[in-house]
N, C-alpha and C. Protein backbone atom coordinates (compact mmCIF):
# COMPACT_ATOMS: atom_id res chain seq x y z
N MET A 1 -41.45 10.29 41.58
CA MET A 1 -40.47 9.27 41.45
C MET A 1 -39.15 9.77 42.02
N ASN A 2 -38.63 8.96 42.87
CA ASN A 2 -37.39 9.30 43.55
C ASN A 2 -36.24 8.55 42.89
N THR A 3 -35.28 9.22 42.36
CA THR A 3 -34.09 8.56 41.79
C THR A 3 -32.88 8.96 42.61
N LEU A 4 -32.02 8.00 42.79
CA LEU A 4 -30.77 8.28 43.50
C LEU A 4 -29.74 8.78 42.51
N ARG A 5 -29.18 9.90 42.82
CA ARG A 5 -28.15 10.46 41.96
C ARG A 5 -26.91 10.72 42.79
N ASN A 6 -25.77 10.33 42.21
CA ASN A 6 -24.50 10.55 42.90
C ASN A 6 -24.04 11.96 42.55
N THR A 7 -24.08 12.82 43.48
CA THR A 7 -23.73 14.21 43.23
C THR A 7 -22.33 14.55 43.72
N SER A 8 -21.58 13.53 44.21
CA SER A 8 -20.23 13.82 44.70
C SER A 8 -19.29 14.07 43.52
N LYS A 9 -18.43 15.02 43.70
CA LYS A 9 -17.47 15.35 42.66
C LYS A 9 -16.10 14.90 43.10
N GLY A 10 -15.24 14.50 42.14
CA GLY A 10 -13.89 14.06 42.47
C GLY A 10 -13.67 12.62 42.02
N PHE A 11 -12.54 12.06 42.46
CA PHE A 11 -12.17 10.71 42.06
C PHE A 11 -12.29 9.76 43.23
N SER A 12 -12.63 8.54 42.92
CA SER A 12 -12.69 7.54 43.98
C SER A 12 -11.28 7.02 44.26
N LEU A 13 -11.12 6.35 45.36
CA LEU A 13 -9.82 5.81 45.76
C LEU A 13 -9.32 4.81 44.71
N LEU A 14 -10.22 4.02 44.19
CA LEU A 14 -9.86 3.03 43.18
C LEU A 14 -9.32 3.70 41.92
N GLU A 15 -9.92 4.77 41.49
CA GLU A 15 -9.45 5.49 40.30
C GLU A 15 -8.07 6.09 40.53
N VAL A 16 -7.84 6.63 41.71
CA VAL A 16 -6.55 7.22 42.03
C VAL A 16 -5.47 6.14 42.06
N LEU A 17 -5.74 5.00 42.68
CA LEU A 17 -4.77 3.90 42.75
C LEU A 17 -4.45 3.34 41.36
N LEU A 18 -5.47 3.22 40.54
CA LEU A 18 -5.25 2.73 39.18
C LEU A 18 -4.41 3.72 38.37
N SER A 19 -4.65 4.99 38.55
CA SER A 19 -3.86 6.02 37.86
C SER A 19 -2.40 5.97 38.30
N LEU A 20 -2.18 5.80 39.61
CA LEU A 20 -0.82 5.71 40.12
C LEU A 20 -0.11 4.46 39.60
N LEU A 21 -0.82 3.36 39.48
CA LEU A 21 -0.24 2.12 38.95
C LEU A 21 0.19 2.30 37.50
N ILE A 22 -0.65 2.92 36.71
CA ILE A 22 -0.33 3.18 35.31
C ILE A 22 0.86 4.13 35.21
N LEU A 23 0.88 5.16 36.02
CA LEU A 23 1.98 6.12 36.03
C LEU A 23 3.29 5.45 36.44
N ALA A 24 3.26 4.61 37.45
CA ALA A 24 4.47 3.91 37.89
C ALA A 24 5.00 2.98 36.80
N GLY A 25 4.12 2.29 36.12
CA GLY A 25 4.54 1.42 35.01
C GLY A 25 5.17 2.22 33.89
N SER A 26 4.61 3.37 33.60
CA SER A 26 5.17 4.23 32.55
C SER A 26 6.56 4.73 32.93
N VAL A 27 6.72 5.16 34.17
CA VAL A 27 8.01 5.67 34.63
C VAL A 27 9.06 4.55 34.59
N LEU A 28 8.70 3.34 35.01
CA LEU A 28 9.64 2.22 34.97
C LEU A 28 10.04 1.88 33.54
N GLY A 29 9.08 1.94 32.63
CA GLY A 29 9.39 1.70 31.21
C GLY A 29 10.35 2.74 30.65
N ILE A 30 10.14 3.98 31.00
CA ILE A 30 11.02 5.06 30.54
C ILE A 30 12.42 4.88 31.12
N MET A 31 12.51 4.53 32.40
CA MET A 31 13.82 4.34 33.04
C MET A 31 14.57 3.18 32.38
N LYS A 32 13.88 2.10 32.07
CA LYS A 32 14.53 0.97 31.40
C LYS A 32 15.02 1.38 30.01
N GLY A 33 14.21 2.16 29.32
CA GLY A 33 14.62 2.66 28.01
C GLY A 33 15.86 3.54 28.10
N LEU A 34 15.95 4.36 29.14
CA LEU A 34 17.13 5.20 29.32
C LEU A 34 18.37 4.36 29.62
N ASP A 35 18.21 3.29 30.40
CA ASP A 35 19.35 2.39 30.67
C ASP A 35 19.85 1.75 29.38
N ILE A 36 18.93 1.30 28.55
CA ILE A 36 19.32 0.68 27.28
C ILE A 36 20.01 1.70 26.38
N ALA A 37 19.47 2.92 26.33
CA ALA A 37 20.07 3.97 25.50
C ALA A 37 21.48 4.31 25.99
N GLN A 38 21.68 4.33 27.30
CA GLN A 38 23.00 4.63 27.85
C GLN A 38 24.00 3.52 27.49
N ALA A 39 23.58 2.26 27.57
CA ALA A 39 24.46 1.15 27.21
C ALA A 39 24.81 1.20 25.72
N MET A 40 23.84 1.52 24.89
CA MET A 40 24.09 1.62 23.45
C MET A 40 25.03 2.77 23.14
N ASP A 41 24.89 3.87 23.87
CA ASP A 41 25.77 5.02 23.68
C ASP A 41 27.21 4.67 24.06
N ALA A 42 27.39 3.96 25.16
CA ALA A 42 28.74 3.55 25.58
C ALA A 42 29.37 2.62 24.55
N HIS A 43 28.59 1.70 24.01
CA HIS A 43 29.11 0.79 22.99
C HIS A 43 29.45 1.55 21.71
N SER A 44 28.62 2.51 21.37
CA SER A 44 28.89 3.32 20.18
C SER A 44 30.17 4.13 20.33
N ARG A 45 30.39 4.68 21.53
CA ARG A 45 31.65 5.41 21.78
C ARG A 45 32.85 4.49 21.65
N PHE A 46 32.73 3.27 22.20
CA PHE A 46 33.83 2.31 22.08
C PHE A 46 34.11 2.00 20.62
N GLU A 47 33.07 1.72 19.84
CA GLU A 47 33.27 1.41 18.42
C GLU A 47 33.91 2.57 17.68
N HIS A 48 33.51 3.79 17.99
CA HIS A 48 34.09 4.96 17.33
C HIS A 48 35.58 5.08 17.66
N LEU A 49 35.91 5.02 18.95
CA LEU A 49 37.32 5.13 19.34
C LEU A 49 38.13 3.95 18.81
N ALA A 50 37.54 2.75 18.83
CA ALA A 50 38.24 1.58 18.30
C ALA A 50 38.52 1.76 16.81
N ALA A 51 37.59 2.35 16.08
CA ALA A 51 37.81 2.60 14.66
C ALA A 51 38.96 3.57 14.44
N VAL A 52 39.01 4.61 15.26
CA VAL A 52 40.09 5.59 15.14
C VAL A 52 41.44 4.93 15.43
N PHE A 53 41.52 4.20 16.55
CA PHE A 53 42.78 3.55 16.92
C PHE A 53 43.16 2.45 15.93
N GLY A 54 42.18 1.67 15.49
CA GLY A 54 42.45 0.60 14.52
C GLY A 54 42.96 1.14 13.20
N GLU A 55 42.37 2.24 12.73
CA GLU A 55 42.82 2.86 11.48
C GLU A 55 44.26 3.37 11.61
N ARG A 56 44.57 3.99 12.74
CA ARG A 56 45.94 4.48 12.96
C ARG A 56 46.93 3.33 12.97
N GLU A 57 46.58 2.25 13.66
CA GLU A 57 47.47 1.09 13.72
C GLU A 57 47.71 0.51 12.32
N LEU A 58 46.64 0.39 11.53
CA LEU A 58 46.79 -0.15 10.18
C LEU A 58 47.66 0.76 9.31
N GLU A 59 47.50 2.06 9.44
CA GLU A 59 48.31 2.99 8.65
C GLU A 59 49.78 2.91 9.04
N LEU A 60 50.06 2.81 10.35
CA LEU A 60 51.45 2.63 10.78
C LEU A 60 52.03 1.32 10.24
N LEU A 61 51.24 0.27 10.28
CA LEU A 61 51.69 -1.02 9.78
C LEU A 61 51.97 -0.96 8.28
N LYS A 62 51.09 -0.32 7.53
CA LYS A 62 51.32 -0.17 6.08
C LYS A 62 52.61 0.58 5.80
N THR A 63 52.83 1.66 6.54
CA THR A 63 54.05 2.45 6.36
C THR A 63 55.29 1.61 6.63
N ASP A 64 55.28 0.87 7.72
CA ASP A 64 56.43 0.04 8.08
C ASP A 64 56.67 -1.07 7.06
N LEU A 65 55.61 -1.65 6.54
CA LEU A 65 55.77 -2.71 5.54
C LEU A 65 56.31 -2.14 4.22
N LEU A 66 55.83 -0.97 3.82
CA LEU A 66 56.31 -0.37 2.58
C LEU A 66 57.77 0.10 2.71
N ARG A 67 58.16 0.57 3.87
CA ARG A 67 59.54 1.00 4.10
C ARG A 67 60.49 -0.18 4.27
N GLY A 68 59.93 -1.34 4.59
CA GLY A 68 60.77 -2.51 4.81
C GLY A 68 61.26 -2.64 6.24
N THR A 69 60.73 -1.83 7.17
CA THR A 69 61.15 -1.95 8.57
C THR A 69 60.51 -3.15 9.26
N LEU A 70 59.47 -3.71 8.65
CA LEU A 70 58.88 -4.96 9.12
C LEU A 70 58.86 -5.95 7.97
N ALA A 71 59.08 -7.23 8.28
CA ALA A 71 59.04 -8.28 7.25
C ALA A 71 57.60 -8.47 6.78
N ALA A 72 57.47 -8.95 5.55
CA ALA A 72 56.15 -9.09 4.95
C ALA A 72 55.29 -10.13 5.65
N GLY A 73 55.86 -10.97 6.45
CA GLY A 73 55.05 -11.88 7.26
C GLY A 73 54.93 -13.26 6.66
N PRO A 74 54.08 -14.09 7.13
CA PRO A 74 53.03 -13.80 8.11
C PRO A 74 53.62 -13.51 9.49
N ALA A 75 53.00 -12.56 10.18
CA ALA A 75 53.49 -12.18 11.49
C ALA A 75 52.37 -11.49 12.26
N SER A 76 52.65 -11.22 13.53
CA SER A 76 51.70 -10.49 14.37
C SER A 76 52.48 -9.71 15.42
N MET A 77 51.82 -8.73 15.97
CA MET A 77 52.43 -7.93 17.03
C MET A 77 51.33 -7.18 17.78
N THR A 78 51.68 -6.65 18.93
CA THR A 78 50.72 -5.82 19.65
C THR A 78 50.77 -4.41 19.08
N GLY A 79 49.72 -3.66 19.33
CA GLY A 79 49.65 -2.30 18.81
C GLY A 79 50.68 -1.39 19.46
N ARG A 80 50.96 -0.28 18.77
CA ARG A 80 51.99 0.65 19.25
C ARG A 80 51.42 1.96 19.75
N ILE A 81 50.16 2.22 19.50
CA ILE A 81 49.54 3.47 19.93
C ILE A 81 49.09 3.32 21.38
N LYS A 82 49.29 4.38 22.15
CA LYS A 82 48.84 4.36 23.55
C LYS A 82 47.32 4.39 23.58
N LEU A 83 46.75 3.37 24.20
CA LEU A 83 45.30 3.23 24.28
C LEU A 83 44.83 3.53 25.70
N PRO A 84 43.53 3.76 25.87
CA PRO A 84 42.99 3.97 27.22
C PRO A 84 43.25 2.74 28.10
N PRO A 85 43.25 2.90 29.43
CA PRO A 85 43.48 1.77 30.32
C PRO A 85 42.48 0.64 30.08
N GLY A 86 42.98 -0.58 30.05
CA GLY A 86 42.13 -1.75 29.83
C GLY A 86 41.94 -2.11 28.37
N TRP A 87 42.46 -1.32 27.48
CA TRP A 87 42.33 -1.57 26.04
C TRP A 87 43.62 -2.21 25.53
N ALA A 88 43.51 -2.95 24.44
CA ALA A 88 44.68 -3.55 23.79
C ALA A 88 44.42 -3.61 22.29
N ALA A 89 45.51 -3.65 21.53
CA ALA A 89 45.40 -3.79 20.08
C ALA A 89 46.33 -4.89 19.61
N LYS A 90 45.87 -5.68 18.67
CA LYS A 90 46.68 -6.76 18.10
C LYS A 90 46.65 -6.62 16.59
N LEU A 91 47.84 -6.74 15.98
CA LEU A 91 47.97 -6.63 14.52
C LEU A 91 48.43 -7.96 13.96
N VAL A 92 47.85 -8.35 12.84
CA VAL A 92 48.24 -9.58 12.15
C VAL A 92 48.30 -9.25 10.67
N TRP A 93 49.35 -9.73 9.99
CA TRP A 93 49.42 -9.54 8.55
C TRP A 93 49.93 -10.81 7.89
N THR A 94 49.35 -11.07 6.72
CA THR A 94 49.63 -12.29 5.97
C THR A 94 49.79 -11.94 4.50
N PRO A 95 50.93 -12.32 3.89
CA PRO A 95 51.11 -12.02 2.47
C PRO A 95 50.32 -12.98 1.58
N ASN A 96 49.92 -12.49 0.43
CA ASN A 96 49.29 -13.31 -0.60
C ASN A 96 50.11 -13.07 -1.87
N ALA A 97 51.10 -13.92 -2.10
CA ALA A 97 52.06 -13.71 -3.19
C ALA A 97 51.40 -13.75 -4.56
N SER A 98 50.34 -14.54 -4.73
CA SER A 98 49.72 -14.65 -6.04
C SER A 98 49.05 -13.34 -6.47
N GLU A 99 48.70 -12.48 -5.52
CA GLU A 99 48.06 -11.20 -5.85
C GLU A 99 48.95 -10.01 -5.53
N SER A 100 50.16 -10.24 -5.06
CA SER A 100 51.08 -9.17 -4.64
C SER A 100 50.46 -8.27 -3.58
N THR A 101 49.74 -8.86 -2.67
CA THR A 101 49.10 -8.10 -1.59
C THR A 101 49.47 -8.67 -0.23
N ILE A 102 49.24 -7.88 0.77
CA ILE A 102 49.39 -8.32 2.15
C ILE A 102 48.08 -7.98 2.85
N ARG A 103 47.49 -8.99 3.47
CA ARG A 103 46.24 -8.76 4.21
C ARG A 103 46.60 -8.31 5.62
N LEU A 104 45.99 -7.20 6.04
CA LEU A 104 46.26 -6.62 7.36
C LEU A 104 45.00 -6.70 8.21
N LYS A 105 45.18 -7.08 9.48
CA LYS A 105 44.05 -7.10 10.41
C LYS A 105 44.47 -6.43 11.71
N ALA A 106 43.62 -5.57 12.20
CA ALA A 106 43.83 -4.93 13.51
C ALA A 106 42.61 -5.24 14.36
N THR A 107 42.87 -5.70 15.58
CA THR A 107 41.79 -5.98 16.52
C THR A 107 41.99 -5.10 17.75
N VAL A 108 40.98 -4.32 18.08
CA VAL A 108 41.02 -3.47 19.27
C VAL A 108 40.11 -4.13 20.30
N ILE A 109 40.66 -4.34 21.50
CA ILE A 109 39.98 -5.11 22.54
C ILE A 109 39.79 -4.24 23.79
N ASN A 110 38.61 -4.32 24.35
CA ASN A 110 38.31 -3.67 25.63
C ASN A 110 37.51 -4.65 26.46
N GLY A 111 38.18 -5.37 27.34
CA GLY A 111 37.50 -6.39 28.14
C GLY A 111 37.02 -7.52 27.24
N GLU A 112 35.72 -7.77 27.26
CA GLU A 112 35.15 -8.84 26.43
C GLU A 112 34.70 -8.34 25.05
N THR A 113 34.77 -7.04 24.84
CA THR A 113 34.32 -6.45 23.58
C THR A 113 35.52 -6.20 22.67
N ASN A 114 35.39 -6.59 21.42
CA ASN A 114 36.46 -6.29 20.47
C ASN A 114 35.88 -5.94 19.11
N VAL A 115 36.67 -5.17 18.38
CA VAL A 115 36.29 -4.76 17.03
C VAL A 115 37.48 -5.07 16.12
N GLN A 116 37.20 -5.69 14.98
CA GLN A 116 38.27 -6.08 14.06
C GLN A 116 38.15 -5.31 12.75
N PHE A 117 39.30 -4.86 12.26
CA PHE A 117 39.37 -4.11 11.01
C PHE A 117 40.32 -4.83 10.08
N SER A 118 40.00 -4.83 8.80
CA SER A 118 40.86 -5.47 7.80
C SER A 118 41.18 -4.48 6.69
N SER A 119 42.32 -4.71 6.08
CA SER A 119 42.74 -3.89 4.96
C SER A 119 43.70 -4.72 4.11
N PHE A 120 43.97 -4.24 2.92
CA PHE A 120 44.95 -4.89 2.05
C PHE A 120 45.98 -3.86 1.63
N LEU A 121 47.20 -4.33 1.45
CA LEU A 121 48.28 -3.47 0.99
C LEU A 121 48.83 -4.08 -0.28
N TYR A 122 48.81 -3.31 -1.35
CA TYR A 122 49.37 -3.78 -2.61
C TYR A 122 50.85 -3.46 -2.62
N VAL A 123 51.66 -4.49 -2.83
CA VAL A 123 53.12 -4.33 -2.89
C VAL A 123 53.57 -4.85 -4.26
N PRO A 124 53.88 -3.98 -5.20
CA PRO A 124 54.27 -4.43 -6.54
C PRO A 124 55.51 -5.31 -6.49
N GLY A 125 55.49 -6.39 -7.21
CA GLY A 125 56.64 -7.30 -7.30
C GLY A 125 56.84 -8.14 -6.06
N HIS A 126 55.89 -8.16 -5.18
CA HIS A 126 56.02 -8.95 -3.95
C HIS A 126 55.58 -10.37 -4.18
């Protein structure tokens, strides 16, 4: 009985092409994931720096309100801390006489992205 046996060793062209297709898809998926990670990292850096700048602005505003160098409001102004190019800060404060507090808001803006921070300042007898 004669049986045909394939004794060739190695990969066929179809197997090699299929392997390359799978490898290319994997590499593209990894590259897309790296792009997303880089964008998330940039946004995280912005939020971190915005938090630092926003906290500083709120602390300066609290100091000025307690010293009486700024009126209790309601009022608003631009930030006073030097920010990176393209960034801006806006401060808004509104008194709440029934609770003797002043609500403070700082918004740090970079293009279309902004982060807002809020705080309260207790002013006895206000």
